Amino acid sequence: MQQLKICFLGTGSMGSAVLQGLVAAGHPTKLISATTRSEESAAKLRAAGISALSLESSSDANELLSSDADVVVLGVKPYQIADVLTEIRSELPKDAVVISMAAGIELTTMAEKLPEHNNLIRSMPNTPALVGKGVTGLAAAPQAAPGAIEIATWLFEAVGEVVEVAEKQINALSAISGSGPAWMYFLVEKWEQVAIANGFTEEQAATLVRGTLAGSAQLLASTGEEPAELRRKVTSPGGTTERIIATLENAKLEQLFEAALQAAVARAKEIAGDKG
């Protein structure tokens, strides 16, 4: 796969993360191309050895750079996907692997815009990809060649772990792992606010909460034990931690998390209905 020509159409935070991960993994920069909105962004990529064009300078940049690509990664906003696919379809190689990172855009929508292309894949990475610790969900079109999902898996493994799922699961996956970092950051915000309200400085609260979170995550990853077992080891019978867990249980967090997930799934379906 080291000889694959990979084109990124749109280099926002996620597109840039995957591109950078690919470079860090040793993929030749001469085989990577990208389009950007601004000429300034394109110039920075060219300085790093990436073939880059901006829509600001070349309105047909997407079509030009995807015309000889083996893999095309769509990093544009969901509302732009249909237009970009329509724009590139006449020149896009028929066997190219086309990977969308847009939430809510279904494979049927991609197939409508690219009726002669079979290797269509939906992906949902998350922002820890920026530090090589991402989790990406993949769902391939039924007609996609086996090699297409292998290529997509290889691509996203450059920035973390990959989970292949059926498309019917991708919206839930998007809420769980795609939006997952926001869940965590929100909890950290509230946890730190509680610490501050109990007399700790902002600096102290950050150290207490973020250090505990990072250490706990590393312990979970390194021991291989289940979260419930690690929690039990911290929770002495009749102790203070037991009271904390009981209070959280009484708050019915599982139901709250489920409601949050379903709200995200519903929004993804709305986006799919407004596909353009």
Protein backbone atom coordinates (compact mmCIF):
# COMPACT_ATOMS: atom_id res chain seq x y z
CA MET A 1 0.00 0.00 0.00
CA GLN A 2 3.04 2.21 0.11
CA GLN A 3 2.51 3.03 -3.57
CA LEU A 4 -1.08 4.23 -3.25
CA LYS A 5 -1.85 7.76 -4.41
CA ILE A 6 -3.97 9.35 -1.70
CA CYS A 7 -5.92 12.55 -2.17
CA PHE A 8 -7.50 14.54 0.66
CA LEU A 9 -10.35 16.79 -0.45
CA GLY A 10 -10.60 19.21 2.43
CA THR A 11 -8.01 19.42 5.18
CA GLY A 12 -9.82 20.53 8.30
CA SER A 13 -8.85 19.16 11.70
CA MET A 14 -9.70 15.53 10.94
CA GLY A 15 -8.39 15.52 7.38
CA SER A 16 -5.17 17.11 8.56
CA ALA A 17 -4.84 14.62 11.40
CA VAL A 18 -5.13 11.63 9.09
CA LEU A 19 -2.81 13.21 6.53
CA GLN A 20 -0.18 13.93 9.18
CA GLY A 21 -0.54 10.42 10.57
CA LEU A 22 -0.01 8.99 7.13
CA VAL A 23 3.16 11.02 6.68
CA ALA A 24 4.40 10.04 10.14
CA ALA A 25 3.81 6.38 9.25
CA GLY A 26 6.22 6.81 6.35
CA HIS A 27 3.93 7.10 3.34
CA PRO A 28 5.82 8.99 0.60
CA THR A 29 4.72 12.62 0.52
CA LYS A 30 5.03 12.62 -3.27
CA LEU A 31 2.05 10.24 -3.34
CA ILE A 32 -0.15 12.49 -1.15
CA SER A 33 -2.20 15.39 -2.48
CA ALA A 34 -4.71 17.71 -0.85
CA THR A 35 -7.09 20.54 -1.53
CA THR A 36 -7.69 23.40 0.86
CA ARG A 37 -9.92 26.42 0.99
CA SER A 38 -7.14 28.98 1.28
CA GLU A 39 -3.93 29.44 -0.66
CA GLU A 40 -2.09 30.00 2.61
CA SER A 41 -3.01 26.48 3.81
CA ALA A 42 -2.06 24.99 0.45
CA ALA A 43 1.33 26.71 0.56
CA LYS A 44 2.07 25.21 3.98
CA LEU A 45 1.29 21.73 2.67
CA ARG A 46 3.47 22.25 -0.40
CA ALA A 47 6.31 23.33 1.88
CA ALA A 48 5.98 19.93 3.58
CA GLY A 49 6.25 18.11 0.26
CA ILE A 50 2.51 17.58 -0.32
CA SER A 51 1.00 18.35 -3.70
CA ALA A 52 -1.66 20.87 -2.71
CA LEU A 53 -4.06 23.21 -4.49
CA SER A 54 -6.46 25.72 -2.99
CA LEU A 55 -10.01 26.34 -4.13
CA GLU A 56 -9.16 29.98 -3.64
CA SER A 57 -6.69 29.80 -6.53
CA SER A 58 -8.08 26.86 -8.56
CA SER A 59 -11.83 26.35 -8.60
CA ASP A 60 -11.34 22.90 -10.14
CA ALA A 61 -8.76 21.80 -7.54
CA ASN A 62 -10.86 18.87 -6.31
CA GLU A 63 -11.34 17.49 -9.80
CA LEU A 64 -7.71 17.95 -10.78
CA LEU A 65 -6.13 16.24 -7.80
CA SER A 66 -8.59 13.36 -7.52
CA SER A 67 -8.33 12.44 -11.21
CA ASP A 68 -5.43 9.99 -10.74
CA ALA A 69 -5.95 9.04 -7.07
CA ASP A 70 -6.19 5.49 -5.76
CA VAL A 71 -7.85 6.74 -2.57
CA VAL A 72 -9.93 9.88 -2.08
CA VAL A 73 -10.65 11.04 1.48
CA LEU A 74 -13.55 13.47 1.75
CA GLY A 75 -12.81 15.89 4.56
CA VAL A 76 -15.42 18.51 3.67
CA LYS A 77 -18.55 19.38 5.66
CA PRO A 78 -21.59 17.09 5.31
CA TYR A 79 -23.56 19.66 3.31
CA GLN A 80 -20.71 19.84 0.77
CA ILE A 81 -20.37 16.09 0.11
CA ALA A 82 -22.99 15.81 -2.65
CA ASP A 83 -21.58 18.77 -4.57
CA VAL A 84 -17.98 17.56 -4.28
CA LEU A 85 -18.87 14.04 -5.46
CA THR A 86 -20.79 15.47 -8.41
CA GLU A 87 -17.82 17.68 -9.22
CA ILE A 88 -15.24 14.90 -9.30
CA ARG A 89 -17.18 11.92 -10.69
CA SER A 90 -16.39 12.41 -14.38
CA GLU A 91 -12.62 12.23 -13.82
CA LEU A 92 -12.45 10.00 -10.74
CA PRO A 93 -10.93 6.56 -11.51
CA LYS A 94 -13.64 3.89 -11.41
CA ASP A 95 -11.72 1.67 -8.98
CA ALA A 96 -10.75 4.47 -6.59
CA VAL A 97 -11.59 3.97 -2.92
CA VAL A 98 -13.75 6.91 -1.81
CA ILE A 99 -13.89 7.49 1.95
CA SER A 100 -16.24 10.00 3.55
CA MET A 101 -15.58 11.39 7.03
CA ALA A 102 -18.86 13.34 7.08
CA ALA A 103 -21.42 12.59 9.78
CA GLY A 104 -24.88 11.61 8.59
CA ILE A 105 -24.07 11.14 4.91
CA GLU A 106 -25.21 7.66 3.95
CA LEU A 107 -23.59 5.30 1.49
CA THR A 108 -26.72 5.45 -0.68
CA THR A 109 -26.19 9.20 -1.06
CA MET A 110 -22.60 8.62 -2.12
CA ALA A 111 -23.72 5.93 -4.56
CA GLU A 112 -26.33 8.25 -6.07
CA LYS A 113 -23.60 10.76 -6.87
CA LEU A 114 -21.06 8.11 -7.96
CA PRO A 115 -23.22 5.45 -9.68
CA GLU A 116 -20.25 3.90 -11.50
CA HIS A 117 -18.04 3.61 -8.43
CA ASN A 118 -18.27 0.64 -6.06
CA ASN A 119 -15.56 1.24 -3.46
CA LEU A 120 -17.46 3.60 -1.19
CA ILE A 121 -16.78 3.77 2.53
CA ARG A 122 -18.08 5.81 5.45
CA SER A 123 -15.67 6.58 8.24
CA MET A 124 -15.99 8.26 11.60
CA PRO A 125 -12.67 9.16 13.22
CA ASN A 126 -12.31 11.20 16.39
CA THR A 127 -10.02 14.04 17.41
CA PRO A 128 -7.49 11.98 19.43
CA ALA A 129 -6.28 11.03 15.95
CA LEU A 130 -4.37 14.31 16.24
CA VAL A 131 -2.05 12.60 18.75
CA GLY A 132 -2.12 9.15 17.15
CA LYS A 133 -4.70 7.81 19.62
CA GLY A 134 -7.82 8.01 17.50
CA VAL A 135 -10.63 5.50 17.17
CA THR A 136 -12.18 5.25 13.71
CA GLY A 137 -15.34 3.41 12.72
CA LEU A 138 -15.64 2.12 9.14
CA ALA A 139 -18.65 0.93 7.15
CA ALA A 140 -18.27 -0.22 3.55
CA ALA A 141 -20.86 -0.28 0.78
CA PRO A 142 -22.12 -3.82 0.00
CA GLN A 143 -20.59 -3.65 -3.48
CA ALA A 144 -17.16 -2.52 -2.27
CA ALA A 145 -14.24 -4.82 -3.04
CA PRO A 146 -12.62 -6.58 -0.04
CA GLY A 147 -9.44 -4.67 -0.73
CA ALA A 148 -11.23 -1.35 -0.28
CA ILE A 149 -11.95 -1.87 3.42
CA GLU A 150 -8.39 -3.15 3.88
CA ILE A 151 -7.07 0.09 2.40
CA ALA A 152 -9.34 2.20 4.61
CA THR A 153 -8.31 0.22 7.68
CA TRP A 154 -4.63 0.65 6.82
CA LEU A 155 -5.14 4.39 6.32
CA PHE A 156 -6.83 5.06 9.65
CA GLU A 157 -4.56 2.74 11.61
CA ALA A 158 -1.92 5.40 10.94
CA VAL A 159 -3.70 7.52 13.58
CA GLY A 160 -5.05 4.92 16.02
CA GLU A 161 -7.44 1.99 16.21
CA VAL A 162 -10.11 0.92 13.71
CA VAL A 163 -13.46 -0.80 14.20
CA GLU A 164 -15.43 -2.11 11.22
CA VAL A 165 -19.21 -2.03 11.64
CA ALA A 166 -22.39 -2.31 9.59
CA GLU A 167 -23.63 1.02 8.32
CA LYS A 168 -26.72 0.83 10.54
CA GLN A 169 -24.35 1.18 13.52
CA ILE A 170 -22.31 4.09 12.24
CA ASN A 171 -24.54 6.84 13.66
CA ALA A 172 -24.41 5.30 17.13
CA LEU A 173 -20.66 4.85 16.75
CA SER A 174 -20.42 8.50 15.81
CA ALA A 175 -22.12 9.44 19.07
CA ILE A 176 -20.02 7.05 21.18
CA SER A 177 -16.49 7.49 19.81
CA GLY A 178 -16.79 10.28 17.24
CA SER A 179 -18.37 12.63 19.78
CA GLY A 180 -16.82 10.72 22.69
CA PRO A 181 -14.04 13.22 23.35
CA ALA A 182 -16.69 15.92 23.88
CA TRP A 183 -18.39 13.68 26.45
CA MET A 184 -15.11 13.38 28.31
CA TYR A 185 -14.19 17.05 28.11
CA PHE A 186 -17.65 18.04 29.34
CA LEU A 187 -17.29 15.73 32.35
CA VAL A 188 -13.84 17.18 33.06
CA GLU A 189 -15.28 20.71 32.90
CA LYS A 190 -17.95 19.89 35.48
CA TRP A 191 -15.56 17.87 37.66
CA GLU A 192 -13.15 20.80 37.79
CA GLN A 193 -15.96 23.22 38.57
CA VAL A 194 -16.90 21.07 41.58
CA ALA A 195 -13.28 21.11 42.74
CA ILE A 196 -13.09 24.90 42.43
CA ALA A 197 -16.39 25.29 44.27
CA ASN A 198 -14.83 23.34 47.14
CA GLY A 199 -11.94 25.71 47.57
CA PHE A 200 -9.28 24.51 45.13
CA THR A 201 -7.64 26.93 42.72
CA GLU A 202 -8.16 26.49 38.98
CA GLU A 203 -4.59 25.19 38.68
CA GLN A 204 -5.08 22.73 41.52
CA ALA A 205 -8.42 21.57 40.12
CA ALA A 206 -6.87 20.97 36.71
CA THR A 207 -4.03 18.95 38.23
CA LEU A 208 -6.37 16.87 40.39
CA VAL A 209 -8.93 16.12 37.69
CA ARG A 210 -6.82 15.86 34.55
CA GLY A 211 -4.06 13.95 36.29
CA THR A 212 -6.58 11.50 37.71
CA LEU A 213 -8.24 11.07 34.33
CA ALA A 214 -4.96 10.49 32.48
CA GLY A 215 -3.64 8.11 35.11
CA SER A 216 -6.87 6.14 35.29
CA ALA A 217 -6.99 5.79 31.50
CA GLN A 218 -3.42 4.54 31.42
CA LEU A 219 -4.13 2.07 34.24
CA LEU A 220 -7.20 0.78 32.40
CA ALA A 221 -5.20 0.32 29.20
CA SER A 222 -2.17 -1.28 30.83
CA THR A 223 -3.86 -3.77 33.17
CA GLY A 224 -6.41 -5.16 30.74
CA GLU A 225 -8.90 -5.38 33.59
CA GLU A 226 -12.55 -4.47 33.19
CA PRO A 227 -13.59 -0.98 34.35
CA ALA A 228 -16.03 -2.46 36.84
CA GLU A 229 -13.25 -4.50 38.48
CA LEU A 230 -10.91 -1.51 38.70
CA ARG A 231 -13.75 0.52 40.19
CA ARG A 232 -14.39 -2.16 42.82
CA LYS A 233 -10.72 -2.03 43.82
CA VAL A 234 -11.10 1.67 44.62
CA THR A 235 -14.45 1.26 46.38
CA SER A 236 -14.07 0.09 49.96
CA PRO A 237 -17.28 -1.22 51.56
CA GLY A 238 -18.85 1.50 53.66
CA GLY A 239 -16.30 4.06 52.50
CA THR A 240 -16.53 7.46 50.84
CA THR A 241 -16.09 6.18 47.28
CA GLU A 242 -19.02 3.85 47.79
CA ARG A 243 -21.18 6.88 48.60
CA ILE A 244 -20.00 8.62 45.42
CA ILE A 245 -20.87 5.62 43.25
CA ALA A 246 -24.26 5.23 44.93
CA THR A 247 -25.05 8.88 44.27
CA LEU A 248 -24.08 8.55 40.61
CA GLU A 249 -26.13 5.36 40.29
CA ASN A 250 -29.16 7.13 41.73
CA ALA A 251 -28.73 9.84 39.09
CA LYS A 252 -29.44 7.16 36.44
CA LEU A 253 -26.41 8.08 34.35
CA GLU A 254 -26.91 5.14 32.01
CA GLN A 255 -30.33 6.45 31.02
CA LEU A 256 -28.93 9.95 30.60
CA PHE A 257 -26.10 8.69 28.39
CA GLU A 258 -28.56 6.68 26.31
CA ALA A 259 -30.73 9.79 25.83
CA ALA A 260 -27.68 11.77 24.73
CA LEU A 261 -26.71 9.06 22.25
CA GLN A 262 -30.19 8.87 20.76
CA ALA A 263 -30.30 12.66 20.37
CA ALA A 264 -27.08 12.46 18.34
CA VAL A 265 -28.43 9.59 16.23
CA ALA A 266 -31.59 11.57 15.54
CA ARG A 267 -29.52 14.54 14.39
CA ALA A 268 -27.46 12.31 12.09
CA LYS A 269 -30.69 11.09 10.50
CA GLU A 270 -31.77 14.70 10.00
CA ILE A 271 -28.49 15.43 8.24
CA ALA A 272 -29.00 12.37 6.04
CA GLY A 273 -32.44 13.67 5.08
CA ASP A 274 -30.94 17.05 4.15
CA LYS A 275 -28.35 15.53 1.83
CA GLY A 276 -28.66 18.05 -0.95
